[in-house]
Protein backbone atom coordinates (compact mmCIF):
# COMPACT_ATOMS: atom_id res chain seq x y z
CA MET A 1 95.12 44.16 67.00
CA PHE A 2 98.03 42.67 65.05
CA TYR A 3 101.00 44.87 64.25
CA ASN A 4 103.24 44.03 61.35
CA LEU A 5 106.58 44.49 63.04
CA ALA A 6 108.45 43.69 59.84
CA THR A 7 107.46 47.16 58.63
CA MET A 8 107.25 48.84 62.04
CA ALA A 9 110.49 47.63 63.55
CA PRO A 10 113.54 47.75 61.33
CA ASN A 11 116.31 45.31 62.17
CA ARG A 12 118.10 47.80 64.41
CA TYR A 13 115.05 47.99 66.69
CA ARG A 14 114.71 44.25 66.75
CA GLU A 15 118.39 43.96 67.59
CA LEU A 16 117.92 46.51 70.39
CA ALA A 17 115.06 44.49 71.85
CA VAL A 18 117.07 41.25 71.68
CA ARG A 19 120.14 42.93 73.20
CA MET A 20 118.13 44.42 76.08
CA LYS A 21 116.44 41.08 76.75
CA ASP A 22 119.77 39.25 76.68
CA ARG A 23 121.07 41.71 79.30
CA GLY A 24 118.21 40.69 81.54
CA HIS A 25 116.67 44.16 81.31
CA SER A 26 113.13 44.46 82.61
CA SER A 27 110.84 47.00 80.96
CA PRO A 28 107.14 47.21 80.17
CA TYR A 29 108.14 48.36 76.68
CA LEU A 30 110.31 45.31 76.18
CA ASP A 31 107.48 43.09 77.44
CA ARG A 32 105.05 44.57 74.92
CA ILE A 33 107.57 44.33 72.07
CA GLU A 34 108.31 40.73 72.96
CA ALA A 35 104.59 39.91 72.97
CA HIS A 36 104.17 41.44 69.52
CA LEU A 37 107.25 39.70 68.14
CA SER A 38 106.06 36.42 69.57
CA LEU A 39 102.63 36.93 67.96
CA GLU A 40 104.24 37.76 64.62
CA GLU A 41 106.43 34.66 64.75
CA ARG A 42 103.45 32.46 65.64
CA GLN A 43 101.43 33.90 62.78
CA GLU A 44 104.30 33.38 60.32
CA SER A 45 104.69 29.81 61.55
CA LEU A 46 100.96 29.17 61.22
CA GLU A 47 100.88 30.66 57.71
CA LEU A 48 103.79 28.45 56.68
CA GLU A 49 102.07 25.38 58.11
CA ILE A 50 98.86 26.25 56.23
CA ARG A 51 100.77 26.68 52.94
CA ARG A 52 102.52 23.35 53.45
CA GLU A 53 99.28 21.53 54.28
CA THR A 54 97.55 23.13 51.30
CA ALA A 55 100.32 21.96 48.98
CA ALA A 56 100.25 18.47 50.50
CA SER A 57 96.48 18.27 50.14
CA LEU A 58 96.62 19.33 46.50
CA GLY A 59 99.40 16.80 45.91
CA ARG A 60 97.41 13.97 47.46
CA ALA A 61 94.35 14.85 45.39
CA GLY A 62 96.50 14.91 42.24
CA VAL A 63 97.99 11.50 42.99
CA LYS A 64 94.49 10.09 43.50
CA VAL A 65 93.56 11.33 40.02
CA ASP A 66 96.72 9.76 38.58
CA PHE A 67 95.86 6.38 40.11
CA ALA A 68 92.23 6.65 39.00
CA MET A 69 93.26 7.54 35.45
CA LEU A 70 95.69 4.62 35.37
CA ALA A 71 92.94 2.29 36.60
CA LEU A 72 90.65 3.65 33.86
CA GLU A 73 93.34 2.93 31.24
CA ASP A 74 93.69 -0.60 32.61
CA ALA A 75 89.91 -1.18 32.60
CA THR A 76 89.65 0.18 29.06
CA LEU A 77 92.39 -2.16 27.82
CA ALA A 78 90.81 -5.10 29.63
CA LEU A 79 87.44 -4.29 28.07
CA ASP A 80 88.95 -4.03 24.59
CA GLU A 81 90.76 -7.36 24.98
CA ALA A 82 87.90 -9.23 26.69
CA PRO A 83 86.49 -12.34 25.06
CA ALA A 84 82.70 -12.30 24.62
CA GLU A 85 82.02 -14.39 27.75
CA GLU A 86 83.93 -11.90 29.97
CA ARG A 87 82.61 -8.73 28.39
CA ASP A 88 79.85 -8.09 30.98
CA ALA A 89 82.26 -8.37 33.92
CA ARG A 90 84.82 -6.15 32.19
CA TRP A 91 82.10 -3.68 31.28
CA ALA A 92 81.14 -3.34 34.95
CA ALA A 93 84.80 -2.80 35.90
CA TYR A 94 85.19 -0.21 33.13
CA THR A 95 82.05 1.65 34.24
CA GLU A 96 83.28 1.70 37.84
CA ALA A 97 86.77 2.90 36.82
CA HIS A 98 85.32 5.66 34.64
CA ALA A 99 83.12 6.87 37.49
CA ALA A 100 86.07 6.74 39.93
CA ALA A 101 88.29 8.77 37.58
CA SER A 102 85.55 11.36 37.09
CA ARG A 103 85.02 11.58 40.86
CA ALA A 104 88.74 11.89 41.59
CA LEU A 105 89.03 14.75 39.11
CA LEU A 106 86.00 16.45 40.65
CA ASP A 107 87.55 16.04 44.12
CA LEU A 108 90.75 17.69 42.87
CA LYS A 109 88.74 20.59 41.42
CA ILE A 110 86.89 21.01 44.72
CA THR A 111 90.17 20.96 46.64
CA ARG A 112 91.63 23.58 44.30
CA GLU A 113 88.57 25.79 44.64
CA ALA A 114 88.71 25.49 48.42
CA VAL A 115 92.15 27.12 48.37
CA GLY A 116 91.16 29.80 45.86
CA LEU A 117 92.32 28.23 42.59
CA ARG A 118 89.43 28.68 40.19
CA ASN A 119 90.97 28.09 36.75
CA HIS A 120 90.90 24.38 35.94
CA SER A 121 91.92 24.51 32.28
CA THR A 122 95.27 22.89 33.08
CA LEU A 123 93.49 19.98 34.77
CA HIS A 124 91.49 19.22 31.64
CA ARG A 125 94.72 19.04 29.63
CA MET A 126 96.51 16.94 32.26
CA TYR A 127 93.61 14.59 32.94
CA PRO A 128 91.49 14.21 29.80
CA ILE A 129 88.78 11.79 30.87
CA PRO A 130 87.45 10.21 27.70
CA PRO A 131 83.71 10.15 27.12
CA ARG A 132 82.11 7.11 28.68
CA ARG A 133 81.64 4.33 26.18
CA SER A 134 78.25 2.88 25.56
CA ALA A 135 77.57 -0.82 25.96
């Protein structure tokens, strides 16, 4: 069972445990306190690592959407500016870019949902994927 020593052991008790340990004192009580403190510190460290990795993962997914949206803008401009003989090739590139942008946004939504973020209204404002054009 995990004990939250932040609420159980005010600073004066923690200081007592550290002082006794620094003296080289040997006690079964000190051993048990040290084990609990060590567990608490490991859990705090793990929780911090999880928060950092979650933020990094969300950041990476967001950057992927930014790149995909930029590629969609580029493909749209290229399609609009294409001479008739290049239109089919540009259309294929546009279709691929649109699908990639849609997929990147979906991946970001899935990543957000995996960490408990369920409201995606901000994403739709930040990344408005235009309706796919017809040929």
